[in-house]
């Protein structure tokens, strides 16, 4: 679906500047992450009201942190949430804060990346891509490319956070094995790739969510 003429579209650099401005005005990066995850989870729970099994694949950065917030909200609503830290245990400070908030919660499991093929065979109702966000460009590292190949073959409702992993948010250039989402949540504003017809095959439906910026 084409974006409306009045849709806000921010490049990755413009988005960083808007986030900095929101923090300077009294918010915090941690609060913006919480707002993003809460807003996405609220929309997901309207779409999928019955609790089920979710797989959340996270990178090291704040895109992964957004996914960890979503995992916490889903767990609060009766979902089982399996989490794969695809690129290692060393997370950004904000993502690590949200990982710690999951410790000890029933229904939350952290799976090693090598367990992903067997886990996918058991089936999931929901798969969330939180590997790379709007700052991604170039080719996917091998572990991310292999993961996206597996996820793309799985039968589940697939969601990307801000931009599907492998898609350049500014140019709409897609790497080999880009994650193919049924639904993409754009946080605060659309990104240039969301307006590109070529990117629709990767983004699916695009929903812009307010996270407390502007």
N, C-alpha and C. Protein backbone atom coordinates (compact mmCIF):
# COMPACT_ATOMS: atom_id res chain seq x y z
N UNK A 1 0.85 -1.20 0.00
CA UNK A 1 0.00 0.00 0.00
C UNK A 1 0.89 1.25 0.00
N UNK A 2 0.72 2.17 -0.94
CA UNK A 2 1.56 3.36 -0.97
C UNK A 2 1.31 4.24 0.24
N UNK A 3 2.36 4.96 0.65
CA UNK A 3 2.22 5.86 1.79
C UNK A 3 1.43 7.10 1.38
N UNK A 4 0.76 7.70 2.35
CA UNK A 4 0.01 8.92 2.07
C UNK A 4 0.97 10.09 1.89
N UNK A 5 0.45 11.14 1.26
CA UNK A 5 1.30 12.29 0.94
C UNK A 5 1.84 12.97 2.19
N UNK A 6 1.12 12.86 3.32
CA UNK A 6 1.57 13.54 4.54
C UNK A 6 2.35 12.62 5.48
N UNK A 7 2.72 11.44 5.02
CA UNK A 7 3.45 10.50 5.87
C UNK A 7 4.84 11.05 6.21
N UNK A 8 5.23 10.92 7.48
CA UNK A 8 6.57 11.31 7.89
C UNK A 8 7.55 10.24 7.45
N UNK A 9 8.63 10.65 6.77
CA UNK A 9 9.66 9.72 6.32
C UNK A 9 11.01 10.26 6.78
N UNK A 10 11.71 9.47 7.59
CA UNK A 10 13.01 9.88 8.12
C UNK A 10 14.09 8.89 7.66
N UNK A 11 15.22 9.42 7.23
CA UNK A 11 16.38 8.57 7.01
C UNK A 11 16.92 8.10 8.36
N UNK A 12 17.87 7.17 8.32
CA UNK A 12 18.46 6.68 9.57
C UNK A 12 19.11 7.83 10.34
N UNK A 13 19.80 8.73 9.63
CA UNK A 13 20.45 9.86 10.30
C UNK A 13 19.42 10.81 10.90
N UNK A 14 18.35 11.08 10.17
CA UNK A 14 17.29 11.95 10.69
C UNK A 14 16.62 11.32 11.90
N UNK A 15 16.46 10.00 11.88
CA UNK A 15 15.84 9.31 13.01
C UNK A 15 16.72 9.43 14.25
N UNK A 16 18.02 9.26 14.10
CA UNK A 16 18.92 9.41 15.24
C UNK A 16 18.84 10.82 15.81
N UNK A 17 18.75 11.81 14.94
CA UNK A 17 18.66 13.20 15.41
C UNK A 17 17.35 13.43 16.17
N UNK A 18 16.26 12.83 15.69
CA UNK A 18 14.98 12.98 16.38
C UNK A 18 15.01 12.30 17.74
N UNK A 19 15.65 11.15 17.80
CA UNK A 19 15.78 10.46 19.09
C UNK A 19 16.60 11.29 20.07
N UNK A 20 17.71 11.85 19.59
CA UNK A 20 18.52 12.70 20.45
C UNK A 20 17.73 13.90 20.96
N UNK A 21 16.92 14.48 20.07
CA UNK A 21 16.11 15.63 20.47
C UNK A 21 15.09 15.23 21.53
N UNK A 22 14.49 14.05 21.39
CA UNK A 22 13.52 13.60 22.38
C UNK A 22 14.18 13.38 23.74
N UNK A 23 15.39 12.85 23.72
CA UNK A 23 16.12 12.65 24.98
C UNK A 23 16.49 13.99 25.60
N UNK A 24 16.92 14.93 24.78
CA UNK A 24 17.27 16.26 25.28
C UNK A 24 16.06 16.96 25.88
N UNK A 25 14.86 16.58 25.38
CA UNK A 25 13.63 17.20 25.87
C UNK A 25 13.09 16.51 27.13
N UNK A 26 13.78 15.46 27.59
CA UNK A 26 13.38 14.86 28.86
C UNK A 26 13.07 13.38 28.83
N UNK A 27 13.05 12.78 27.66
CA UNK A 27 12.85 11.34 27.60
C UNK A 27 14.19 10.64 27.82
N UNK A 28 14.27 9.36 27.53
CA UNK A 28 15.53 8.63 27.59
C UNK A 28 15.52 7.59 26.49
N UNK A 29 16.69 7.13 26.08
CA UNK A 29 16.75 6.09 25.06
C UNK A 29 16.07 4.81 25.56
N UNK A 30 16.22 4.53 26.86
CA UNK A 30 15.57 3.34 27.41
C UNK A 30 14.05 3.48 27.33
N UNK A 31 13.53 4.67 27.59
CA UNK A 31 12.09 4.88 27.52
C UNK A 31 11.59 4.77 26.08
N UNK A 32 12.36 5.29 25.13
CA UNK A 32 11.96 5.17 23.72
C UNK A 32 11.91 3.71 23.30
N UNK A 33 12.87 2.90 23.78
CA UNK A 33 12.86 1.47 23.48
C UNK A 33 11.63 0.81 24.10
N UNK A 34 11.33 1.17 25.32
CA UNK A 34 10.14 0.63 25.99
C UNK A 34 8.88 1.01 25.21
N UNK A 35 8.81 2.27 24.80
CA UNK A 35 7.64 2.73 24.05
C UNK A 35 7.48 1.95 22.74
N UNK A 36 8.60 1.72 22.04
CA UNK A 36 8.55 0.99 20.77
C UNK A 36 8.07 -0.43 20.98
N UNK A 37 8.66 -1.12 21.95
CA UNK A 37 8.26 -2.50 22.20
C UNK A 37 6.83 -2.62 22.68
N UNK A 38 6.43 -1.72 23.56
CA UNK A 38 5.05 -1.75 24.07
C UNK A 38 4.04 -1.49 22.95
N UNK A 39 4.35 -0.51 22.09
CA UNK A 39 3.42 -0.18 21.00
C UNK A 39 3.29 -1.34 20.02
N UNK A 40 4.43 -1.96 19.67
CA UNK A 40 4.38 -3.10 18.76
C UNK A 40 3.63 -4.27 19.38
N UNK A 41 3.91 -4.55 20.65
CA UNK A 41 3.25 -5.67 21.32
C UNK A 41 1.74 -5.45 21.42
N UNK A 42 1.33 -4.22 21.70
CA UNK A 42 -0.10 -3.94 21.81
C UNK A 42 -0.81 -4.19 20.49
N UNK A 43 -0.18 -3.79 19.38
CA UNK A 43 -0.78 -4.04 18.08
C UNK A 43 -0.80 -5.53 17.77
N UNK A 44 0.27 -6.22 18.10
CA UNK A 44 0.32 -7.67 17.86
C UNK A 44 -0.77 -8.40 18.64
N UNK A 45 -0.97 -8.01 19.89
CA UNK A 45 -1.96 -8.69 20.72
C UNK A 45 -3.38 -8.45 20.22
N UNK A 46 -3.60 -7.35 19.53
CA UNK A 46 -4.91 -7.15 18.89
C UNK A 46 -5.07 -8.07 17.68
N UNK A 47 -3.98 -8.29 16.96
CA UNK A 47 -4.03 -9.14 15.77
C UNK A 47 -4.06 -10.62 16.13
N UNK A 48 -3.36 -10.97 17.19
CA UNK A 48 -3.23 -12.38 17.62
C UNK A 48 -3.68 -12.48 19.08
N UNK A 49 -4.99 -12.44 19.32
CA UNK A 49 -5.47 -12.35 20.70
C UNK A 49 -5.29 -13.62 21.52
N UNK A 50 -5.13 -14.76 20.87
CA UNK A 50 -4.96 -16.01 21.61
C UNK A 50 -3.48 -16.27 21.86
N UNK A 51 -3.07 -16.53 23.10
CA UNK A 51 -1.66 -16.80 23.38
C UNK A 51 -1.14 -17.99 22.58
N UNK A 52 0.10 -17.89 22.18
CA UNK A 52 0.71 -18.97 21.41
C UNK A 52 2.20 -19.02 21.67
N UNK A 53 2.93 -19.50 20.67
CA UNK A 53 4.38 -19.65 20.75
C UNK A 53 5.03 -18.62 19.84
N UNK A 54 5.95 -17.86 20.41
CA UNK A 54 6.64 -16.83 19.64
C UNK A 54 8.14 -17.10 19.64
N UNK A 55 8.76 -16.82 18.52
CA UNK A 55 10.21 -16.86 18.39
C UNK A 55 10.68 -15.45 18.09
N UNK A 56 11.60 -14.96 18.89
CA UNK A 56 12.16 -13.62 18.70
C UNK A 56 13.65 -13.77 18.48
N UNK A 57 14.12 -13.37 17.30
CA UNK A 57 15.53 -13.48 16.96
C UNK A 57 16.15 -12.09 17.04
N UNK A 58 17.14 -11.95 17.93
CA UNK A 58 17.67 -10.64 18.27
C UNK A 58 19.13 -10.51 17.88
N UNK A 59 19.49 -9.33 17.39
CA UNK A 59 20.89 -8.98 17.22
C UNK A 59 21.43 -8.38 18.50
N UNK A 60 22.60 -7.73 18.40
CA UNK A 60 23.25 -7.18 19.58
C UNK A 60 22.73 -5.79 19.96
N UNK A 61 22.10 -5.12 19.00
CA UNK A 61 21.80 -3.71 19.18
C UNK A 61 20.39 -3.43 19.66
N UNK A 62 19.98 -2.19 19.40
CA UNK A 62 18.71 -1.73 19.95
C UNK A 62 17.51 -2.32 19.24
N UNK A 63 17.67 -2.79 18.01
CA UNK A 63 16.58 -3.51 17.35
C UNK A 63 16.27 -4.78 18.14
N UNK A 64 17.33 -5.47 18.56
CA UNK A 64 17.13 -6.63 19.43
C UNK A 64 16.53 -6.25 20.76
N UNK A 65 16.91 -5.08 21.29
CA UNK A 65 16.32 -4.61 22.54
C UNK A 65 14.82 -4.39 22.43
N UNK A 66 14.39 -3.84 21.29
CA UNK A 66 12.95 -3.67 21.06
C UNK A 66 12.24 -5.03 21.13
N UNK A 67 12.87 -6.05 20.52
CA UNK A 67 12.27 -7.39 20.53
C UNK A 67 12.19 -7.95 21.94
N UNK A 68 13.18 -7.66 22.77
CA UNK A 68 13.17 -8.16 24.14
C UNK A 68 12.05 -7.51 24.95
N UNK A 69 11.76 -6.25 24.69
CA UNK A 69 10.59 -5.62 25.33
C UNK A 69 9.32 -6.34 24.91
N UNK A 70 9.20 -6.64 23.62
CA UNK A 70 8.01 -7.34 23.12
C UNK A 70 7.88 -8.70 23.79
N UNK A 71 9.00 -9.41 23.95
CA UNK A 71 8.95 -10.72 24.59
C UNK A 71 8.36 -10.61 26.00
N UNK A 72 8.76 -9.59 26.74
CA UNK A 72 8.25 -9.40 28.10
C UNK A 72 6.74 -9.16 28.10
N UNK A 73 6.26 -8.35 27.17
CA UNK A 73 4.82 -8.07 27.11
C UNK A 73 4.04 -9.32 26.68
N UNK A 74 4.55 -10.03 25.69
CA UNK A 74 3.87 -11.26 25.27
C UNK A 74 3.78 -12.25 26.44
N UNK A 75 4.89 -12.39 27.19
CA UNK A 75 4.89 -13.30 28.33
C UNK A 75 3.82 -12.91 29.34
N UNK A 76 3.64 -11.62 29.54
CA UNK A 76 2.62 -11.14 30.49
C UNK A 76 1.20 -11.50 30.03
N UNK A 77 1.06 -11.78 28.74
CA UNK A 77 -0.25 -12.13 28.19
C UNK A 77 -0.35 -13.62 27.85
N UNK A 78 0.49 -14.42 28.47
CA UNK A 78 0.33 -15.87 28.38
C UNK A 78 1.07 -16.55 27.25
N UNK A 79 1.89 -15.80 26.52
CA UNK A 79 2.64 -16.40 25.43
C UNK A 79 3.89 -17.11 25.95
N UNK A 80 4.30 -18.16 25.23
CA UNK A 80 5.64 -18.70 25.40
C UNK A 80 6.55 -17.98 24.42
N UNK A 81 7.66 -17.48 24.90
CA UNK A 81 8.57 -16.71 24.05
C UNK A 81 9.95 -17.35 24.07
N UNK A 82 10.38 -17.85 22.93
CA UNK A 82 11.74 -18.36 22.75
C UNK A 82 12.58 -17.25 22.11
N UNK A 83 13.75 -17.01 22.67
CA UNK A 83 14.61 -15.91 22.23
C UNK A 83 15.95 -16.46 21.80
N UNK A 84 16.39 -16.06 20.63
CA UNK A 84 17.72 -16.42 20.13
C UNK A 84 18.54 -15.14 20.00
N UNK A 85 19.66 -15.09 20.71
CA UNK A 85 20.61 -13.98 20.57
C UNK A 85 21.59 -14.39 19.47
N UNK A 86 21.24 -14.02 18.26
CA UNK A 86 21.89 -14.59 17.08
C UNK A 86 23.36 -14.23 16.96
N UNK A 87 23.71 -13.02 17.37
CA UNK A 87 25.06 -12.51 17.11
C UNK A 87 25.92 -12.50 18.37
N UNK A 88 25.52 -13.24 19.38
CA UNK A 88 26.32 -13.34 20.60
C UNK A 88 25.67 -12.69 21.80
N UNK A 89 26.30 -12.91 22.94
CA UNK A 89 25.74 -12.50 24.22
C UNK A 89 26.08 -11.05 24.58
N UNK A 90 27.02 -10.45 23.90
CA UNK A 90 27.42 -9.08 24.22
C UNK A 90 26.45 -8.10 23.55
N UNK A 91 25.49 -7.61 24.32
CA UNK A 91 24.43 -6.75 23.78
C UNK A 91 24.73 -5.28 24.07
N UNK A 92 24.03 -4.41 23.36
CA UNK A 92 24.10 -2.99 23.70
C UNK A 92 23.57 -2.78 25.12
N UNK A 93 23.94 -1.68 25.72
CA UNK A 93 23.54 -1.42 27.10
C UNK A 93 22.02 -1.47 27.26
N UNK A 94 21.30 -0.87 26.34
CA UNK A 94 19.84 -0.85 26.44
C UNK A 94 19.25 -2.24 26.26
N UNK A 95 19.77 -2.99 25.29
CA UNK A 95 19.28 -4.35 25.07
C UNK A 95 19.59 -5.23 26.28
N UNK A 96 20.77 -5.07 26.86
CA UNK A 96 21.13 -5.87 28.03
C UNK A 96 20.20 -5.56 29.20
N UNK A 97 19.83 -4.30 29.37
CA UNK A 97 18.88 -3.95 30.43
C UNK A 97 17.57 -4.71 30.25
N UNK A 98 17.11 -4.81 29.03
CA UNK A 98 15.85 -5.51 28.79
C UNK A 98 16.02 -7.03 28.83
N UNK A 99 17.21 -7.52 28.53
CA UNK A 99 17.43 -8.95 28.74
C UNK A 99 17.34 -9.28 30.24
N UNK A 100 17.95 -8.45 31.08
CA UNK A 100 17.91 -8.71 32.53
C UNK A 100 16.48 -8.70 33.05
N UNK A 101 15.63 -7.92 32.46
CA UNK A 101 14.23 -7.85 32.92
C UNK A 101 13.46 -9.14 32.63
N UNK A 102 14.03 -10.00 31.80
CA UNK A 102 13.38 -11.27 31.47
C UNK A 102 13.81 -12.41 32.38
N UNK A 103 14.85 -12.21 33.15
CA UNK A 103 15.38 -13.30 33.97
C UNK A 103 14.32 -13.81 34.94
N UNK A 104 14.15 -15.12 34.96
CA UNK A 104 13.24 -15.75 35.91
C UNK A 104 11.79 -15.76 35.52
N UNK A 105 11.44 -15.20 34.36
CA UNK A 105 10.04 -15.17 33.95
C UNK A 105 9.64 -16.52 33.35
N UNK A 106 8.53 -17.07 33.83
CA UNK A 106 8.03 -18.33 33.28
C UNK A 106 7.63 -18.13 31.83
N UNK A 107 7.92 -19.12 31.00
CA UNK A 107 7.53 -19.03 29.60
C UNK A 107 8.54 -18.36 28.71
N UNK A 108 9.66 -17.90 29.28
CA UNK A 108 10.74 -17.28 28.51
C UNK A 108 11.89 -18.27 28.44
N UNK A 109 12.35 -18.56 27.23
CA UNK A 109 13.52 -19.43 27.05
C UNK A 109 14.51 -18.75 26.14
N UNK A 110 15.78 -18.82 26.50
CA UNK A 110 16.86 -18.37 25.62
C UNK A 110 17.46 -19.61 24.97
N UNK A 111 17.43 -19.65 23.65
CA UNK A 111 17.95 -20.78 22.91
C UNK A 111 19.24 -20.38 22.20
N UNK A 112 20.23 -21.27 22.15
CA UNK A 112 21.43 -20.96 21.38
C UNK A 112 21.12 -20.98 19.89
N UNK A 113 21.86 -20.21 19.09
CA UNK A 113 21.57 -20.17 17.65
C UNK A 113 21.57 -21.54 16.99
N UNK A 114 22.42 -22.44 17.46
CA UNK A 114 22.48 -23.76 16.83
C UNK A 114 21.23 -24.59 17.08
N UNK A 115 20.40 -24.17 18.04
CA UNK A 115 19.15 -24.89 18.31
C UNK A 115 18.01 -24.41 17.43
N UNK A 116 18.26 -23.39 16.61
CA UNK A 116 17.18 -22.79 15.82
C UNK A 116 16.52 -23.76 14.85
N UNK A 117 17.25 -24.56 14.06
CA UNK A 117 16.57 -25.46 13.12
C UNK A 117 15.61 -26.42 13.81
N UNK A 118 16.05 -27.02 14.93
CA UNK A 118 15.18 -27.96 15.64
C UNK A 118 13.98 -27.24 16.25
N UNK A 119 14.19 -26.03 16.76
CA UNK A 119 13.09 -25.27 17.35
C UNK A 119 12.03 -24.92 16.30
N UNK A 120 12.49 -24.55 15.11
CA UNK A 120 11.55 -24.19 14.05
C UNK A 120 10.72 -25.40 13.61
N UNK A 121 11.28 -26.58 13.72
CA UNK A 121 10.52 -27.78 13.36
C UNK A 121 9.33 -27.99 14.29
N UNK A 122 9.41 -27.48 15.51
CA UNK A 122 8.30 -27.62 16.46
C UNK A 122 7.16 -26.65 16.14
N UNK A 123 7.46 -25.62 15.39
CA UNK A 123 6.43 -24.69 14.94
C UNK A 123 6.22 -23.51 15.87
N UNK A 124 5.99 -22.35 15.27
CA UNK A 124 5.69 -21.12 16.02
C UNK A 124 4.49 -20.43 15.39
N UNK A 125 3.76 -19.71 16.22
CA UNK A 125 2.65 -18.89 15.71
C UNK A 125 3.15 -17.53 15.22
N UNK A 126 4.24 -17.07 15.81
CA UNK A 126 4.74 -15.72 15.55
C UNK A 126 6.26 -15.76 15.53
N UNK A 127 6.85 -15.11 14.52
CA UNK A 127 8.30 -14.94 14.45
C UNK A 127 8.58 -13.45 14.33
N UNK A 128 9.46 -12.95 15.20
CA UNK A 128 9.81 -11.53 15.19
C UNK A 128 11.29 -11.37 14.87
N UNK A 129 11.57 -10.57 13.87
CA UNK A 129 12.92 -10.28 13.41
C UNK A 129 13.41 -9.00 14.08
N UNK A 130 14.35 -9.17 15.00
CA UNK A 130 14.99 -8.03 15.66
C UNK A 130 16.50 -8.09 15.50
N UNK A 131 16.96 -8.51 14.33
CA UNK A 131 18.40 -8.73 14.13
C UNK A 131 19.11 -7.43 13.80
N UNK A 132 18.74 -6.82 12.67
CA UNK A 132 19.33 -5.55 12.26
C UNK A 132 18.22 -4.53 12.02
N UNK A 133 18.52 -3.27 12.31
CA UNK A 133 17.53 -2.22 12.13
C UNK A 133 17.84 -1.29 10.98
N UNK A 134 17.52 -0.03 11.16
CA UNK A 134 17.60 0.92 10.06
C UNK A 134 19.03 1.26 9.66
N UNK A 135 20.01 0.97 10.50
CA UNK A 135 21.38 1.30 10.16
C UNK A 135 22.08 0.28 9.29
N UNK A 136 21.39 -0.80 8.93
CA UNK A 136 22.03 -1.86 8.17
C UNK A 136 22.29 -1.43 6.72
N UNK A 137 23.45 -1.88 6.19
CA UNK A 137 23.75 -1.73 4.77
C UNK A 137 24.71 -2.84 4.37
N UNK A 138 24.74 -3.14 3.07
CA UNK A 138 25.69 -4.13 2.57
C UNK A 138 25.12 -5.54 2.58
N UNK A 139 26.01 -6.51 2.81
CA UNK A 139 25.62 -7.91 2.80
C UNK A 139 25.42 -8.42 4.22
N UNK A 140 24.55 -9.39 4.36
CA UNK A 140 24.34 -9.99 5.67
C UNK A 140 25.53 -10.87 6.04
N UNK A 141 25.95 -10.84 7.31
CA UNK A 141 26.96 -11.82 7.73
C UNK A 141 26.39 -13.23 7.59
N UNK A 142 27.26 -14.22 7.43
CA UNK A 142 26.78 -15.57 7.12
C UNK A 142 25.76 -16.11 8.11
N UNK A 143 25.95 -15.88 9.41
CA UNK A 143 25.02 -16.42 10.39
C UNK A 143 23.64 -15.77 10.27
N UNK A 144 23.60 -14.50 9.93
CA UNK A 144 22.32 -13.82 9.75
C UNK A 144 21.64 -14.27 8.47
N UNK A 145 22.42 -14.45 7.41
CA UNK A 145 21.85 -14.91 6.14
C UNK A 145 21.25 -16.30 6.30
N UNK A 146 21.96 -17.19 6.96
CA UNK A 146 21.46 -18.55 7.17
C UNK A 146 20.21 -18.52 8.04
N UNK A 147 20.21 -17.70 9.07
CA UNK A 147 19.04 -17.58 9.94
C UNK A 147 17.83 -17.09 9.16
N UNK A 148 18.00 -16.06 8.36
CA UNK A 148 16.87 -15.53 7.59
C UNK A 148 16.35 -16.55 6.59
N UNK A 149 17.24 -17.35 6.01
CA UNK A 149 16.78 -18.40 5.11
C UNK A 149 15.85 -19.37 5.86
N UNK A 150 16.25 -19.75 7.06
CA UNK A 150 15.43 -20.65 7.86
C UNK A 150 14.09 -20.01 8.23
N UNK A 151 14.16 -18.76 8.68
CA UNK A 151 12.93 -18.07 9.10
C UNK A 151 11.97 -17.89 7.93
N UNK A 152 12.51 -17.58 6.76
CA UNK A 152 11.65 -17.36 5.60
C UNK A 152 10.93 -18.63 5.16
N UNK A 153 11.49 -19.79 5.48
CA UNK A 153 10.86 -21.06 5.13
C UNK A 153 9.82 -21.50 6.15
N UNK A 154 9.82 -20.88 7.32
CA UNK A 154 8.94 -21.32 8.40
C UNK A 154 7.52 -20.81 8.18
N UNK A 155 6.57 -21.61 8.62
CA UNK A 155 5.16 -21.21 8.57
C UNK A 155 4.80 -20.52 9.88
N UNK A 156 4.72 -19.21 9.84
CA UNK A 156 4.38 -18.42 11.03
C UNK A 156 4.03 -17.01 10.56
N UNK A 157 3.43 -16.25 11.45
CA UNK A 157 3.16 -14.84 11.18
C UNK A 157 4.46 -14.09 11.44
N UNK A 158 5.04 -13.52 10.40
CA UNK A 158 6.39 -12.96 10.49
C UNK A 158 6.34 -11.43 10.57
N UNK A 159 7.06 -10.90 11.54
CA UNK A 159 7.05 -9.47 11.82
C UNK A 159 8.48 -8.94 11.85
N UNK A 160 8.72 -7.81 11.20
CA UNK A 160 10.00 -7.12 11.25
C UNK A 160 9.86 -5.84 12.07
N UNK A 161 10.90 -5.53 12.82
CA UNK A 161 10.90 -4.32 13.64
C UNK A 161 11.68 -3.22 12.91
N UNK A 162 10.98 -2.18 12.53
CA UNK A 162 11.46 -1.00 11.83
C UNK A 162 11.80 -1.28 10.36
N UNK A 163 12.62 -2.31 10.11
CA UNK A 163 12.98 -2.64 8.73
C UNK A 163 13.37 -4.12 8.71
N UNK A 164 12.97 -4.88 7.72
CA UNK A 164 13.37 -6.29 7.70
C UNK A 164 14.90 -6.43 7.61
N UNK A 165 15.43 -7.38 8.35
CA UNK A 165 16.87 -7.61 8.32
C UNK A 165 17.33 -7.92 6.90
N UNK A 166 18.34 -7.18 6.46
CA UNK A 166 18.87 -7.33 5.10
C UNK A 166 18.45 -6.21 4.18
N UNK A 167 17.47 -5.41 4.59
CA UNK A 167 17.00 -4.30 3.75
C UNK A 167 17.61 -2.99 4.24
N UNK A 168 18.17 -2.24 3.31
CA UNK A 168 18.72 -0.93 3.64
C UNK A 168 17.57 0.06 3.77
N UNK A 169 17.40 0.62 4.96
CA UNK A 169 16.26 1.49 5.22
C UNK A 169 16.28 2.78 4.43
N UNK A 170 17.46 3.23 4.03
CA UNK A 170 17.56 4.48 3.28
C UNK A 170 17.42 4.28 1.78
N UNK A 171 17.95 3.16 1.25
CA UNK A 171 18.02 2.98 -0.21
C UNK A 171 17.08 1.91 -0.74
N UNK A 172 16.53 1.07 0.16
CA UNK A 172 15.67 -0.07 -0.21
C UNK A 172 16.45 -1.18 -0.92
N UNK A 173 17.78 -1.11 -0.89
CA UNK A 173 18.58 -2.21 -1.45
C UNK A 173 18.46 -3.42 -0.54
N UNK A 174 18.16 -4.57 -1.12
CA UNK A 174 17.97 -5.79 -0.33
C UNK A 174 19.15 -6.73 -0.53
N UNK A 175 19.69 -7.20 0.58
CA UNK A 175 20.75 -8.20 0.53
C UNK A 175 20.15 -9.56 0.19
N UNK A 176 21.01 -10.48 -0.23
CA UNK A 176 20.56 -11.85 -0.41
C UNK A 176 20.04 -12.37 0.93
N UNK A 177 18.93 -13.11 0.88
CA UNK A 177 18.33 -13.73 2.07
C UNK A 177 17.70 -12.71 3.02
N UNK A 178 17.30 -11.56 2.53
CA UNK A 178 16.59 -10.59 3.37
C UNK A 178 15.35 -11.24 3.98
N UNK A 179 15.09 -10.90 5.23
CA UNK A 179 13.91 -11.42 5.93
C UNK A 179 12.65 -10.94 5.22
N UNK A 180 11.72 -11.86 5.04
CA UNK A 180 10.47 -11.54 4.33
C UNK A 180 9.34 -11.48 5.35
N UNK A 181 8.91 -10.27 5.67
CA UNK A 181 7.90 -10.06 6.71
C UNK A 181 6.50 -9.97 6.12
N UNK A 182 5.54 -10.38 6.91
CA UNK A 182 4.13 -10.13 6.58
C UNK A 182 3.71 -8.76 7.09
N UNK A 183 4.41 -8.31 8.15
CA UNK A 183 4.09 -7.04 8.79
C UNK A 183 5.39 -6.41 9.27
N UNK A 184 5.55 -5.11 9.00
CA UNK A 184 6.70 -4.36 9.48
C UNK A 184 6.21 -3.18 10.30
N UNK A 185 6.77 -3.05 11.50
CA UNK A 185 6.46 -1.89 12.34
C UNK A 185 7.52 -0.81 12.11
N UNK A 186 7.10 0.35 11.63
CA UNK A 186 7.97 1.51 11.49
C UNK A 186 7.83 2.34 12.77
N UNK A 187 8.92 2.57 13.47
CA UNK A 187 8.87 3.29 14.73
C UNK A 187 9.05 4.79 14.52
N UNK A 188 8.08 5.55 14.97
CA UNK A 188 8.08 7.02 14.95
C UNK A 188 7.79 7.62 13.58
N UNK A 189 8.36 7.03 12.54
CA UNK A 189 8.16 7.54 11.18
C UNK A 189 8.50 6.42 10.21
N UNK A 190 8.00 6.56 8.99
CA UNK A 190 8.41 5.63 7.94
C UNK A 190 9.86 5.93 7.55
N UNK A 191 10.51 4.94 6.99
CA UNK A 191 11.85 5.10 6.48
C UNK A 191 11.77 5.11 4.94
N UNK A 192 12.75 5.67 4.25
CA UNK A 192 12.65 5.77 2.80
C UNK A 192 12.33 4.44 2.11
N UNK A 193 12.88 3.35 2.60
CA UNK A 193 12.61 2.05 1.97
C UNK A 193 11.14 1.67 2.03
N UNK A 194 10.44 2.12 3.07
CA UNK A 194 9.02 1.78 3.19
C UNK A 194 8.20 2.36 2.04
N UNK A 195 8.69 3.43 1.44
CA UNK A 195 7.98 4.08 0.34
C UNK A 195 8.35 3.51 -1.02
N UNK A 196 9.27 2.57 -1.04
CA UNK A 196 9.75 2.01 -2.30
C UNK A 196 8.92 0.79 -2.70
N UNK A 197 8.32 0.80 -3.89
CA UNK A 197 7.57 -0.39 -4.31
C UNK A 197 8.42 -1.66 -4.32
N UNK A 198 9.71 -1.51 -4.59
CA UNK A 198 10.59 -2.67 -4.65
C UNK A 198 10.72 -3.36 -3.29
N UNK A 199 10.49 -2.61 -2.22
CA UNK A 199 10.68 -3.16 -0.88
C UNK A 199 9.43 -3.84 -0.33
N UNK A 200 8.32 -3.72 -1.02
CA UNK A 200 7.07 -4.24 -0.47
C UNK A 200 7.12 -5.76 -0.28
N UNK A 201 7.86 -6.44 -1.14
CA UNK A 201 7.93 -7.91 -1.02
C UNK A 201 8.61 -8.32 0.28
N UNK A 202 9.43 -7.44 0.85
CA UNK A 202 10.11 -7.75 2.11
C UNK A 202 9.35 -7.22 3.31
N UNK A 203 8.70 -6.09 3.17
CA UNK A 203 8.06 -5.42 4.31
C UNK A 203 6.65 -5.92 4.59
N UNK A 204 5.93 -6.35 3.56
CA UNK A 204 4.53 -6.68 3.76
C UNK A 204 3.73 -5.45 4.16
N UNK A 205 2.77 -5.62 5.05
CA UNK A 205 2.02 -4.48 5.57
C UNK A 205 2.94 -3.65 6.44
N UNK A 206 2.86 -2.32 6.33
CA UNK A 206 3.71 -1.44 7.13
C UNK A 206 2.82 -0.59 8.02
N UNK A 207 3.10 -0.63 9.32
CA UNK A 207 2.33 0.14 10.31
C UNK A 207 3.29 1.04 11.04
N UNK A 208 3.01 2.34 11.05
CA UNK A 208 3.84 3.30 11.75
C UNK A 208 3.31 3.50 13.18
N UNK A 209 4.19 3.38 14.16
CA UNK A 209 3.79 3.44 15.56
C UNK A 209 4.43 4.66 16.24
N UNK A 210 3.64 5.33 17.05
CA UNK A 210 4.12 6.45 17.84
C UNK A 210 4.95 5.91 19.01
N UNK A 211 6.18 6.43 19.17
CA UNK A 211 7.00 6.00 20.31
C UNK A 211 7.42 7.16 21.19
N UNK A 212 6.75 8.30 21.03
CA UNK A 212 7.05 9.44 21.89
C UNK A 212 8.09 10.39 21.34
N UNK A 213 8.27 10.39 20.02
CA UNK A 213 9.14 11.33 19.34
C UNK A 213 8.27 12.32 18.58
N UNK A 214 8.69 13.60 18.55
CA UNK A 214 7.89 14.66 17.90
C UNK A 214 6.60 14.90 18.66
